[in-house]
Amino acid sequence: MIWRPADPVKGRARIGRAIRRADRWADEEVCRLSSTPDALWSAPSLQVLRPAAISCTGVRRGRLLDDCTLSVPVGIRLLVVGEPDESASTLVRVLAGLSRPASGRVEIAGLTDSSAAGWGRRVAHLGPEPGIPSWMTPREAVALAAELLDLPKGDASRRMEMALAWARIRPEWLDRPVRHGGPPLLQRTGLAAALLADPEVLLLDEPLRALEADERRRLLRLPGRRRTMVLASRYPASEAGLVSHVALLRGGRVALLAAVAELEAAGLSLSVRGIDALAERRRSAQPSPEPVQPAVASR
């Protein structure tokens, strides 16, 4: 059911209340996420070990992914950069089930089924082009997403209001075709649709580039200590404050997985050059394998 306010003044007041609720939701981190039950999550051992939210093993896809293996613990905000650049986006698309790998295994939230019946509401993807028809309004696009998720009507209405408020789509734009608002409105609408199911795993590929930097960071600074985010980016510096860890793909494989704090401790910037330098330091610090002595034939 699509809510359409008869009174524009009351409609704006309702949207304002929804925005305030969305902000409180962010401040209090009230998201209940992850397939791990709360009783188990509170155990100290689980807090230390952190189950994997995303796991891919031996993934191959054309020339961009070659035996790619990666494990992302629950709650990590991971920045992925690639050499070449497009390998990071390819990995995110494979994780989202939008590109089929030639070989390998992908698990998200402990499941390998990328269909709606499998990962379903647990995973959401947002790329540079949300794929929303230009004639659709933001309200229609998010309502369609609710239908595809098969959300109960009452729950769908509440979730729509919260998602649209979080995306900060102005009330006067809710019922206008997205083409009238250009790329910024299109990308905000895509974000609202992606957040509708409150996914525990969010896969982002160069998201919200049409927005100003401060607004983009605000929208992507999503609450929930158990929410896992993987963000493919060609501009690492623009992701400062959004990510906790970085991964470098080189030659289709993971050449580095490290905390942003390790970059900072090494005096390196959050940039392709800085991440690459940390990978080289790690590689050079590894002990060389002992040379194998040739066998001496006995006489």
C-alpha atoms as a PDB file:
ATOM      1  CA  MET A   1       0.000   0.000   0.000  1.00  0.00           C
ATOM      2  CA  ILE A   2       1.405   3.389  -0.999  1.00  0.00           C
ATOM      3  CA  TRP A   3       0.790   6.230   1.421  1.00  0.00           C
ATOM      4  CA  ARG A   4      -0.197   9.496  -0.259  1.00  0.00           C
ATOM      5  CA  PRO A   5      -0.956  12.374   2.130  1.00  0.00           C
ATOM      6  CA  ALA A   6      -4.086  14.345   1.303  1.00  0.00           C
ATOM      7  CA  ASP A   7      -2.822  17.357   3.223  1.00  0.00           C
ATOM      8  CA  PRO A   8       0.674  18.502   2.071  1.00  0.00           C
ATOM      9  CA  VAL A   9       1.323  20.259   5.415  1.00  0.00           C
ATOM     10  CA  LYS A  10       0.517  17.141   7.400  1.00  0.00           C
ATOM     11  CA  GLY A  11       2.548  15.133   4.884  1.00  0.00           C
ATOM     12  CA  ARG A  12       5.642  17.275   5.462  1.00  0.00           C
ATOM     13  CA  ALA A  13       5.175  16.998   9.232  1.00  0.00           C
ATOM     14  CA  ARG A  14       4.978  13.229   8.950  1.00  0.00           C
ATOM     15  CA  ILE A  15       8.150  13.105   6.856  1.00  0.00           C
ATOM     16  CA  GLY A  16       9.864  15.327   9.440  1.00  0.00           C
ATOM     17  CA  ARG A  17       8.937  12.916  12.210  1.00  0.00           C
ATOM     18  CA  ALA A  18      10.244  10.020  10.130  1.00  0.00           C
ATOM     19  CA  ILE A  19      13.579  11.817   9.612  1.00  0.00           C
ATOM     20  CA  ARG A  20      13.915  12.379  13.362  1.00  0.00           C
ATOM     21  CA  ARG A  21      13.158   8.714  14.017  1.00  0.00           C
ATOM     22  CA  ALA A  22      15.741   7.702  11.413  1.00  0.00           C
ATOM     23  CA  ASP A  23      18.339   9.906  13.102  1.00  0.00           C
ATOM     24  CA  ARG A  24      17.564   8.372  16.519  1.00  0.00           C
ATOM     25  CA  TRP A  25      17.878   4.934  14.930  1.00  0.00           C
ATOM     26  CA  ALA A  26      21.363   5.903  13.746  1.00  0.00           C
ATOM     27  CA  ASP A  27      22.419   7.392  17.074  1.00  0.00           C
ATOM     28  CA  GLU A  28      21.210   4.482  19.198  1.00  0.00           C
ATOM     29  CA  GLU A  29      22.278   1.697  16.805  1.00  0.00           C
ATOM     30  CA  VAL A  30      19.109  -0.269  17.343  1.00  0.00           C
ATOM     31  CA  CYS A  31      19.511  -2.507  14.283  1.00  0.00           C
ATOM     32  CA  ARG A  32      19.114  -6.191  15.033  1.00  0.00           C
ATOM     33  CA  LEU A  33      21.295  -7.869  12.448  1.00  0.00           C
ATOM     34  CA  SER A  34      23.110 -11.090  11.619  1.00  0.00           C
ATOM     35  CA  SER A  35      21.779 -14.623  11.568  1.00  0.00           C
ATOM     36  CA  THR A  36      23.669 -15.278  14.827  1.00  0.00           C
ATOM     37  CA  PRO A  37      21.162 -15.177  17.742  1.00  0.00           C
ATOM     38  CA  ASP A  38      21.584 -12.341  20.253  1.00  0.00           C
ATOM     39  CA  ALA A  39      22.250 -14.781  23.093  1.00  0.00           C
ATOM     40  CA  LEU A  40      25.195 -16.242  21.193  1.00  0.00           C
ATOM     41  CA  TRP A  41      26.443 -12.857  19.959  1.00  0.00           C
ATOM     42  CA  SER A  42      26.813 -11.634  23.539  1.00  0.00           C
ATOM     43  CA  ALA A  43      29.278 -14.436  24.332  1.00  0.00           C
ATOM     44  CA  PRO A  44      32.853 -13.050  24.753  1.00  0.00           C
ATOM     45  CA  SER A  45      34.328 -15.829  22.607  1.00  0.00           C
ATOM     46  CA  LEU A  46      32.100 -14.891  19.662  1.00  0.00           C
ATOM     47  CA  GLN A  47      32.975 -11.226  20.027  1.00  0.00           C
ATOM     48  CA  VAL A  48      36.654 -12.156  19.670  1.00  0.00           C
ATOM     49  CA  LEU A  49      36.336 -14.761  16.926  1.00  0.00           C
ATOM     50  CA  ARG A  50      33.690 -12.936  14.836  1.00  0.00           C
ATOM     51  CA  PRO A  51      31.927 -15.292  12.415  1.00  0.00           C
ATOM     52  CA  ALA A  52      32.396 -14.609   8.713  1.00  0.00           C
ATOM     53  CA  ALA A  53      29.597 -12.595   7.120  1.00  0.00           C
ATOM     54  CA  ILE A  54      31.147 -13.070   3.674  1.00  0.00           C
ATOM     55  CA  SER A  55      33.414 -15.846   2.476  1.00  0.00           C
ATOM     56  CA  CYS A  56      34.611 -16.507  -1.047  1.00  0.00           C
ATOM     57  CA  THR A  57      37.046 -19.254  -1.978  1.00  0.00           C
ATOM     58  CA  GLY A  58      38.871 -19.780  -5.255  1.00  0.00           C
ATOM     59  CA  VAL A  59      36.633 -17.400  -7.207  1.00  0.00           C
ATOM     60  CA  ARG A  60      37.509 -16.896 -10.872  1.00  0.00           C
ATOM     61  CA  ARG A  61      35.861 -14.450 -13.242  1.00  0.00           C
ATOM     62  CA  GLY A  62      37.472 -13.654 -16.589  1.00  0.00           C
ATOM     63  CA  ARG A  63      40.831 -11.890 -16.323  1.00  0.00           C
ATOM     64  CA  LEU A  64      39.835  -9.846 -13.259  1.00  0.00           C
ATOM     65  CA  LEU A  65      39.455 -12.504 -10.562  1.00  0.00           C
ATOM     66  CA  ASP A  66      41.849 -15.437 -10.379  1.00  0.00           C
ATOM     67  CA  ASP A  67      41.554 -17.814  -7.424  1.00  0.00           C
ATOM     68  CA  CYS A  68      40.289 -14.936  -5.253  1.00  0.00           C
ATOM     69  CA  THR A  69      39.848 -15.970  -1.628  1.00  0.00           C
ATOM     70  CA  LEU A  70      38.542 -13.595   1.040  1.00  0.00           C
ATOM     71  CA  SER A  71      36.808 -13.811   4.430  1.00  0.00           C
ATOM     72  CA  VAL A  72      35.041 -10.763   5.870  1.00  0.00           C
ATOM     73  CA  PRO A  73      34.032 -10.965   9.558  1.00  0.00           C
ATOM     74  CA  VAL A  74      30.668  -9.719  10.770  1.00  0.00           C
ATOM     75  CA  GLY A  75      30.624  -5.972  11.425  1.00  0.00           C
ATOM     76  CA  ILE A  76      33.639  -5.089   9.269  1.00  0.00           C
ATOM     77  CA  ARG A  77      33.418  -2.066   6.938  1.00  0.00           C
ATOM     78  CA  LEU A  78      35.759  -3.142   4.142  1.00  0.00           C
ATOM     79  CA  LEU A  79      37.144  -0.958   1.358  1.00  0.00           C
ATOM     80  CA  VAL A  80      38.231  -2.931  -1.716  1.00  0.00           C
ATOM     81  CA  VAL A  81      40.604  -1.421  -4.271  1.00  0.00           C
ATOM     82  CA  GLY A  82      41.950  -3.243  -7.275  1.00  0.00           C
ATOM     83  CA  GLU A  83      44.797  -3.371  -9.748  1.00  0.00           C
ATOM     84  CA  PRO A  84      43.278  -3.107 -12.326  1.00  0.00           C
ATOM     85  CA  ASP A  85      40.545  -0.838 -10.949  1.00  0.00           C
ATOM     86  CA  GLU A  86      37.600  -2.818 -12.308  1.00  0.00           C
ATOM     87  CA  SER A  87      38.538  -5.980 -10.407  1.00  0.00           C
ATOM     88  CA  ALA A  88      37.103  -4.522  -7.167  1.00  0.00           C
ATOM     89  CA  SER A  89      33.743  -3.814  -8.816  1.00  0.00           C
ATOM     90  CA  THR A  90      33.744  -7.284 -10.333  1.00  0.00           C
ATOM     91  CA  LEU A  91      34.244  -8.865  -6.918  1.00  0.00           C
ATOM     92  CA  VAL A  92      31.321  -6.892  -5.454  1.00  0.00           C
ATOM     93  CA  ARG A  93      29.078  -7.946  -8.350  1.00  0.00           C
ATOM     94  CA  VAL A  94      30.038 -11.589  -7.864  1.00  0.00           C
ATOM     95  CA  LEU A  95      29.317 -11.339  -4.128  1.00  0.00           C
ATOM     96  CA  ALA A  96      25.925  -9.784  -4.927  1.00  0.00           C
ATOM     97  CA  GLY A  97      25.051 -12.609  -7.315  1.00  0.00           C
ATOM     98  CA  LEU A  98      24.910 -10.218 -10.279  1.00  0.00           C
ATOM     99  CA  SER A  99      27.865 -11.869 -12.035  1.00  0.00           C
ATOM    100  CA  ARG A 100      28.358 -15.606 -12.077  1.00  0.00           C
ATOM    101  CA  PRO A 101      31.909 -16.775 -11.321  1.00  0.00           C
ATOM    102  CA  ALA A 102      33.522 -19.306 -13.625  1.00  0.00           C
ATOM    103  CA  SER A 103      34.510 -21.306 -10.557  1.00  0.00           C
ATOM    104  CA  GLY A 104      34.768 -20.975  -6.795  1.00  0.00           C
ATOM    105  CA  ARG A 105      32.399 -20.722  -3.870  1.00  0.00           C
ATOM    106  CA  VAL A 106      30.668 -17.710  -2.274  1.00  0.00           C
ATOM    107  CA  GLU A 107      28.887 -17.767   1.083  1.00  0.00           C
ATOM    108  CA  ILE A 108      27.016 -14.853   2.629  1.00  0.00           C
ATOM    109  CA  ALA A 109      25.473 -15.170   6.090  1.00  0.00           C
ATOM    110  CA  GLY A 110      26.358 -18.856   5.891  1.00  0.00           C
ATOM    111  CA  LEU A 111      24.344 -19.424   2.686  1.00  0.00           C
ATOM    112  CA  THR A 112      25.417 -20.108  -0.892  1.00  0.00           C
ATOM    113  CA  ASP A 113      22.032 -19.431  -2.538  1.00  0.00           C
ATOM    114  CA  SER A 114      22.011 -15.940  -4.080  1.00  0.00           C
ATOM    115  CA  SER A 115      18.275 -16.064  -4.942  1.00  0.00           C
ATOM    116  CA  ALA A 116      15.593 -14.162  -3.054  1.00  0.00           C
ATOM    117  CA  ALA A 117      14.750 -17.392  -1.231  1.00  0.00           C
ATOM    118  CA  GLY A 118      18.392 -17.683  -0.116  1.00  0.00           C
ATOM    119  CA  TRP A 119      20.203 -14.482   0.765  1.00  0.00           C
ATOM    120  CA  GLY A 120      16.911 -12.649   0.317  1.00  0.00           C
ATOM    121  CA  ARG A 121      16.579  -9.759   2.715  1.00  0.00           C
ATOM    122  CA  ARG A 122      19.988 -10.308   4.299  1.00  0.00           C
ATOM    123  CA  VAL A 123      21.970  -8.788   1.418  1.00  0.00           C
ATOM    124  CA  ALA A 124      21.581  -5.568  -0.572  1.00  0.00           C
ATOM    125  CA  HIS A 125      23.612  -4.144  -3.454  1.00  0.00           C
ATOM    126  CA  LEU A 126      23.956  -0.543  -4.555  1.00  0.00           C
ATOM    127  CA  GLY A 127      25.975   0.364  -7.631  1.00  0.00           C
ATOM    128  CA  PRO A 128      26.590   3.588  -9.560  1.00  0.00           C
ATOM    129  CA  GLU A 129      23.467   2.943 -11.672  1.00  0.00           C
ATOM    130  CA  PRO A 130      20.560   1.736  -9.499  1.00  0.00           C
ATOM    131  CA  GLY A 131      18.585   0.546 -12.542  1.00  0.00           C
ATOM    132  CA  ILE A 132      15.408   2.458 -11.631  1.00  0.00           C
ATOM    133  CA  PRO A 133      13.299   3.491 -14.678  1.00  0.00           C
ATOM    134  CA  SER A 134      13.416   7.248 -15.187  1.00  0.00           C
ATOM    135  CA  TRP A 135       9.606   7.540 -15.200  1.00  0.00           C
ATOM    136  CA  MET A 136       9.261   6.038 -11.712  1.00  0.00           C
ATOM    137  CA  THR A 137       8.888   8.199  -8.638  1.00  0.00           C
ATOM    138  CA  PRO A 138      10.956   7.500  -5.525  1.00  0.00           C
ATOM    139  CA  ARG A 139       7.843   6.317  -3.692  1.00  0.00           C
ATOM    140  CA  GLU A 140       6.913   3.946  -6.509  1.00  0.00           C
ATOM    141  CA  ALA A 141      10.438   2.536  -6.763  1.00  0.00           C
ATOM    142  CA  VAL A 142      10.663   1.823  -3.030  1.00  0.00           C
ATOM    143  CA  ALA A 143       7.121   0.384  -3.001  1.00  0.00           C
ATOM    144  CA  LEU A 144       8.132  -1.973  -5.801  1.00  0.00           C
ATOM    145  CA  ALA A 145      11.171  -3.048  -3.789  1.00  0.00           C
ATOM    146  CA  ALA A 146       8.855  -3.795  -0.850  1.00  0.00           C
ATOM    147  CA  GLU A 147       6.673  -5.957  -3.096  1.00  0.00           C
ATOM    148  CA  LEU A 148       9.685  -7.877  -4.420  1.00  0.00           C
ATOM    149  CA  LEU A 149      10.766  -8.521  -0.834  1.00  0.00           C
ATOM    150  CA  ASP A 150       7.214  -9.700  -0.038  1.00  0.00           C
ATOM    151  CA  LEU A 151       7.030  -7.485   3.041  1.00  0.00           C
ATOM    152  CA  PRO A 152       3.746  -7.402   4.996  1.00  0.00           C
ATOM    153  CA  LYS A 153       1.788  -4.249   4.158  1.00  0.00           C
ATOM    154  CA  GLY A 154       2.023  -2.660   7.588  1.00  0.00           C
ATOM    155  CA  ASP A 155       5.714  -3.408   7.900  1.00  0.00           C
ATOM    156  CA  ALA A 156       6.353  -2.268   4.325  1.00  0.00           C
ATOM    157  CA  SER A 157       4.754   1.125   4.973  1.00  0.00           C
ATOM    158  CA  ARG A 158       6.844   1.695   8.098  1.00  0.00           C
ATOM    159  CA  ARG A 159      10.064   0.568   6.408  1.00  0.00           C
ATOM    160  CA  MET A 160       9.390   2.733   3.349  1.00  0.00           C
ATOM    161  CA  GLU A 161       8.934   5.804   5.510  1.00  0.00           C
ATOM    162  CA  MET A 162      12.160   5.138   7.399  1.00  0.00           C
ATOM    163  CA  ALA A 163      14.227   4.371   4.274  1.00  0.00           C
ATOM    164  CA  LEU A 164      13.021   7.445   2.379  1.00  0.00           C
ATOM    165  CA  ALA A 165      13.704   9.580   5.440  1.00  0.00           C
ATOM    166  CA  TRP A 166      17.219   8.206   5.834  1.00  0.00           C
ATOM    167  CA  ALA A 167      17.941   8.946   2.151  1.00  0.00           C
ATOM    168  CA  ARG A 168      16.771  12.535   2.801  1.00  0.00           C
ATOM    169  CA  ILE A 169      14.499  12.697  -0.230  1.00  0.00           C
ATOM    170  CA  ARG A 170      12.546  15.927   0.114  1.00  0.00           C
ATOM    171  CA  PRO A 171       8.750  15.548   0.373  1.00  0.00           C
ATOM    172  CA  GLU A 172       8.139  17.486  -2.845  1.00  0.00           C
ATOM    173  CA  TRP A 173      10.272  14.972  -4.780  1.00  0.00           C
ATOM    174  CA  LEU A 174       8.645  11.776  -3.509  1.00  0.00           C
ATOM    175  CA  ASP A 175       5.984  11.705  -6.229  1.00  0.00           C
ATOM    176  CA  ARG A 176       7.946  13.149  -9.151  1.00  0.00           C
ATOM    177  CA  PRO A 177       9.733  10.977 -11.733  1.00  0.00           C
ATOM    178  CA  VAL A 178      13.363  10.465 -10.756  1.00  0.00           C
ATOM    179  CA  ARG A 179      14.492  11.940 -14.082  1.00  0.00           C
ATOM    180  CA  HIS A 180      13.352  15.357 -12.836  1.00  0.00           C
ATOM    181  CA  GLY A 181      15.865  15.213 -10.002  1.00  0.00           C
ATOM    182  CA  GLY A 182      18.767  13.898 -12.081  1.00  0.00           C
ATOM    183  CA  PRO A 183      21.456  11.485 -10.824  1.00  0.00           C
ATOM    184  CA  PRO A 184      21.353  12.717  -7.181  1.00  0.00           C
ATOM    185  CA  LEU A 185      17.662  11.823  -6.802  1.00  0.00           C
ATOM    186  CA  LEU A 186      18.151   8.543  -8.657  1.00  0.00           C
ATOM    187  CA  GLN A 187      20.994   7.512  -6.352  1.00  0.00           C
ATOM    188  CA  ARG A 188      19.158   8.550  -3.191  1.00  0.00           C
ATOM    189  CA  THR A 189      16.196   6.460  -4.336  1.00  0.00           C
ATOM    190  CA  GLY A 190      18.479   3.501  -4.993  1.00  0.00           C
ATOM    191  CA  LEU A 191      19.875   3.796  -1.465  1.00  0.00           C
ATOM    192  CA  ALA A 192      16.374   3.892   0.042  1.00  0.00           C
ATOM    193  CA  ALA A 193      15.412   0.749  -1.879  1.00  0.00           C
ATOM    194  CA  ALA A 194      18.612  -1.012  -0.793  1.00  0.00           C
ATOM    195  CA  LEU A 195      18.001  -0.212   2.890  1.00  0.00           C
ATOM    196  CA  LEU A 196      14.353  -1.262   2.862  1.00  0.00           C
ATOM    197  CA  ALA A 197      14.996  -4.757   4.234  1.00  0.00           C
ATOM    198  CA  ASP A 198      17.559  -3.506   6.784  1.00  0.00           C
ATOM    199  CA  PRO A 199      20.202  -5.839   5.266  1.00  0.00           C
ATOM    200  CA  GLU A 200      22.945  -7.285   7.419  1.00  0.00           C
ATOM    201  CA  VAL A 201      25.357  -7.289   4.454  1.00  0.00           C
ATOM    202  CA  LEU A 202      25.590  -4.217   2.214  1.00  0.00           C
ATOM    203  CA  LEU A 203      27.580  -4.445  -1.025  1.00  0.00           C
ATOM    204  CA  LEU A 204      28.476  -1.063  -2.517  1.00  0.00           C
ATOM    205  CA  ASP A 205      30.099  -0.290  -5.860  1.00  0.00           C
ATOM    206  CA  GLU A 206      31.132   3.364  -6.275  1.00  0.00           C
ATOM    207  CA  PRO A 207      27.894   4.468  -4.569  1.00  0.00           C
ATOM    208  CA  LEU A 208      26.330   7.954  -4.430  1.00  0.00           C
ATOM    209  CA  ARG A 209      29.043   9.682  -6.465  1.00  0.00           C
ATOM    210  CA  ALA A 210      26.515  12.269  -7.675  1.00  0.00           C
ATOM    211  CA  LEU A 211      26.179  13.663  -4.133  1.00  0.00           C
ATOM    212  CA  GLU A 212      28.423  16.091  -2.273  1.00  0.00           C
ATOM    213  CA  ALA A 213      31.153  14.424  -0.229  1.00  0.00           C
ATOM    214  CA  ASP A 214      29.780  15.321   3.222  1.00  0.00           C
ATOM    215  CA  GLU A 215      26.245  14.228   2.354  1.00  0.00           C
ATOM    216  CA  ARG A 216      27.518  11.015   0.801  1.00  0.00           C
ATOM    217  CA  ARG A 217      29.467  10.129   3.946  1.00  0.00           C
ATOM    218  CA  ARG A 218      26.464  10.893   6.141  1.00  0.00           C
ATOM    219  CA  LEU A 219      24.190   8.620   4.132  1.00  0.00           C
ATOM    220  CA  LEU A 220      26.688   5.750   4.051  1.00  0.00           C
ATOM    221  CA  ARG A 221      27.606   5.952   7.734  1.00  0.00           C
ATOM    222  CA  LEU A 222      24.994   3.333   8.556  1.00  0.00           C
ATOM    223  CA  PRO A 223      24.398   2.145  12.114  1.00  0.00           C
ATOM    224  CA  GLY A 224      24.553  -1.390  13.436  1.00  0.00           C
ATOM    225  CA  ARG A 225      27.666  -3.010  14.887  1.00  0.00           C
ATOM    226  CA  ARG A 226      26.727  -6.270  13.186  1.00  0.00           C
ATOM    227  CA  ARG A 227      26.149  -4.731   9.775  1.00  0.00           C
ATOM    228  CA  THR A 228      28.878  -5.722   7.324  1.00  0.00           C
ATOM    229  CA  MET A 229      29.785  -3.460   4.419  1.00  0.00           C
ATOM    230  CA  VAL A 230      31.994  -4.071   1.389  1.00  0.00           C
ATOM    231  CA  LEU A 231      32.701  -0.959  -0.674  1.00  0.00           C
ATOM    232  CA  ALA A 232      34.517  -1.031  -4.023  1.00  0.00           C
ATOM    233  CA  SER A 233      36.131   2.315  -4.781  1.00  0.00           C
ATOM    234  CA  ARG A 234      38.685   3.865  -7.122  1.00  0.00           C
ATOM    235  CA  TYR A 235      39.039   6.841  -4.769  1.00  0.00           C
ATOM    236  CA  PRO A 236      40.060   5.438  -1.354  1.00  0.00           C
ATOM    237  CA  ALA A 237      40.608   8.846   0.243  1.00  0.00           C
ATOM    238  CA  SER A 238      36.920   9.659  -0.230  1.00  0.00           C
ATOM    239  CA  GLU A 239      36.007   6.673   1.968  1.00  0.00           C
ATOM    240  CA  ALA A 240      37.850   7.969   5.055  1.00  0.00           C
ATOM    241  CA  GLY A 241      35.651   7.612   8.112  1.00  0.00           C
ATOM    242  CA  LEU A 242      33.400   5.058   6.413  1.00  0.00           C
ATOM    243  CA  VAL A 243      35.638   1.984   6.451  1.00  0.00           C
ATOM    244  CA  SER A 244      37.552   0.086   9.114  1.00  0.00           C
ATOM    245  CA  HIS A 245      39.596  -2.230   6.885  1.00  0.00           C
ATOM    246  CA  VAL A 246      41.094  -2.281   3.389  1.00  0.00           C
ATOM    247  CA  ALA A 247      41.691  -5.052   0.879  1.00  0.00           C
ATOM    248  CA  LEU A 248      43.885  -4.863  -2.203  1.00  0.00           C
ATOM    249  CA  LEU A 249      43.241  -7.049  -5.231  1.00  0.00           C
ATOM    250  CA  ARG A 250      46.285  -7.533  -7.390  1.00  0.00           C
ATOM    251  CA  GLY A 251      46.275  -9.840 -10.380  1.00  0.00           C
ATOM    252  CA  GLY A 252      42.847 -11.095  -9.367  1.00  0.00           C
ATOM    253  CA  ARG A 253      43.909 -12.198  -5.884  1.00  0.00           C
ATOM    254  CA  VAL A 254      43.873 -10.632  -2.433  1.00  0.00           C
ATOM    255  CA  ALA A 255      47.330  -9.133  -1.917  1.00  0.00           C
ATOM    256  CA  LEU A 256      46.459  -7.334   1.331  1.00  0.00           C
ATOM    257  CA  LEU A 257      43.794  -7.352   4.020  1.00  0.00           C
ATOM    258  CA  ALA A 258      44.507  -4.894   6.829  1.00  0.00           C
ATOM    259  CA  ALA A 259      42.918  -2.500   9.293  1.00  0.00           C
ATOM    260  CA  VAL A 260      42.907   1.197   8.418  1.00  0.00           C
ATOM    261  CA  ALA A 261      44.638   1.688  11.779  1.00  0.00           C
ATOM    262  CA  GLU A 262      47.623  -0.278  10.446  1.00  0.00           C
ATOM    263  CA  LEU A 263      47.911   2.121   7.519  1.00  0.00           C
ATOM    264  CA  GLU A 264      47.854   5.062   9.906  1.00  0.00           C
ATOM    265  CA  ALA A 265      50.418   3.475  12.235  1.00  0.00           C
ATOM    266  CA  ALA A 266      52.738   2.986   9.249  1.00  0.00           C
ATOM    267  CA  GLY A 267      52.381   6.661   8.307  1.00  0.00           C
ATOM    268  CA  LEU A 268      50.617   5.775   5.052  1.00  0.00           C
ATOM    269  CA  SER A 269      47.594   7.509   3.569  1.00  0.00           C
ATOM    270  CA  LEU A 270      44.277   5.926   2.667  1.00  0.00           C
ATOM    271  CA  SER A 271      45.098   5.929  -1.037  1.00  0.00           C
ATOM    272  CA  VAL A 272      45.944   3.391  -3.715  1.00  0.00           C
ATOM    273  CA  ARG A 273      49.621   4.303  -3.309  1.00  0.00           C
ATOM    274  CA  GLY A 274      49.472   3.962   0.496  1.00  0.00           C
ATOM    275  CA  ILE A 275      47.619   0.636   0.388  1.00  0.00           C
ATOM    276  CA  ASP A 276      50.015  -0.688  -2.226  1.00  0.00           C
ATOM    277  CA  ALA A 277      53.003   0.404  -0.108  1.00  0.00           C
ATOM    278  CA  LEU A 278      51.641  -1.468   2.937  1.00  0.00           C
ATOM    279  CA  ALA A 279      51.192  -4.596   0.826  1.00  0.00           C
ATOM    280  CA  GLU A 280      54.835  -4.332  -0.302  1.00  0.00           C
ATOM    281  CA  ARG A 281      56.041  -3.866   3.283  1.00  0.00           C
ATOM    282  CA  ARG A 282      54.103  -6.936   4.354  1.00  0.00           C
ATOM    283  CA  ARG A 283      55.526  -8.950   1.470  1.00  0.00           C
ATOM    284  CA  SER A 284      59.115  -7.896   2.080  1.00  0.00           C
ATOM    285  CA  ALA A 285      58.783  -8.669   5.813  1.00  0.00           C
ATOM    286  CA  GLN A 286      57.829 -12.263   5.151  1.00  0.00           C
ATOM    287  CA  PRO A 287      60.744 -14.680   5.625  1.00  0.00           C
ATOM    288  CA  SER A 288      62.132 -16.161   2.449  1.00  0.00           C
ATOM    289  CA  PRO A 289      61.684 -19.909   2.102  1.00  0.00           C
ATOM    290  CA  GLU A 290      64.747 -21.981   2.891  1.00  0.00           C
ATOM    291  CA  PRO A 291      66.568 -23.010  -0.302  1.00  0.00           C
ATOM    292  CA  VAL A 292      66.224 -26.674  -1.113  1.00  0.00           C
ATOM    293  CA  GLN A 293      69.602 -28.403  -1.101  1.00  0.00           C
ATOM    294  CA  PRO A 294      70.110 -30.735  -4.047  1.00  0.00           C
ATOM    295  CA  ALA A 295      70.305 -34.370  -3.098  1.00  0.00           C
ATOM    296  CA  VAL A 296      73.774 -35.878  -3.225  1.00  0.00           C
ATOM    297  CA  ALA A 297      73.839 -39.250  -4.866  1.00  0.00           C
ATOM    298  CA  SER A 298      75.563 -41.904  -2.756  1.00  0.00           C
ATOM    299  CA  ARG A 299      78.356 -43.817  -4.291  1.00  0.00           C
END
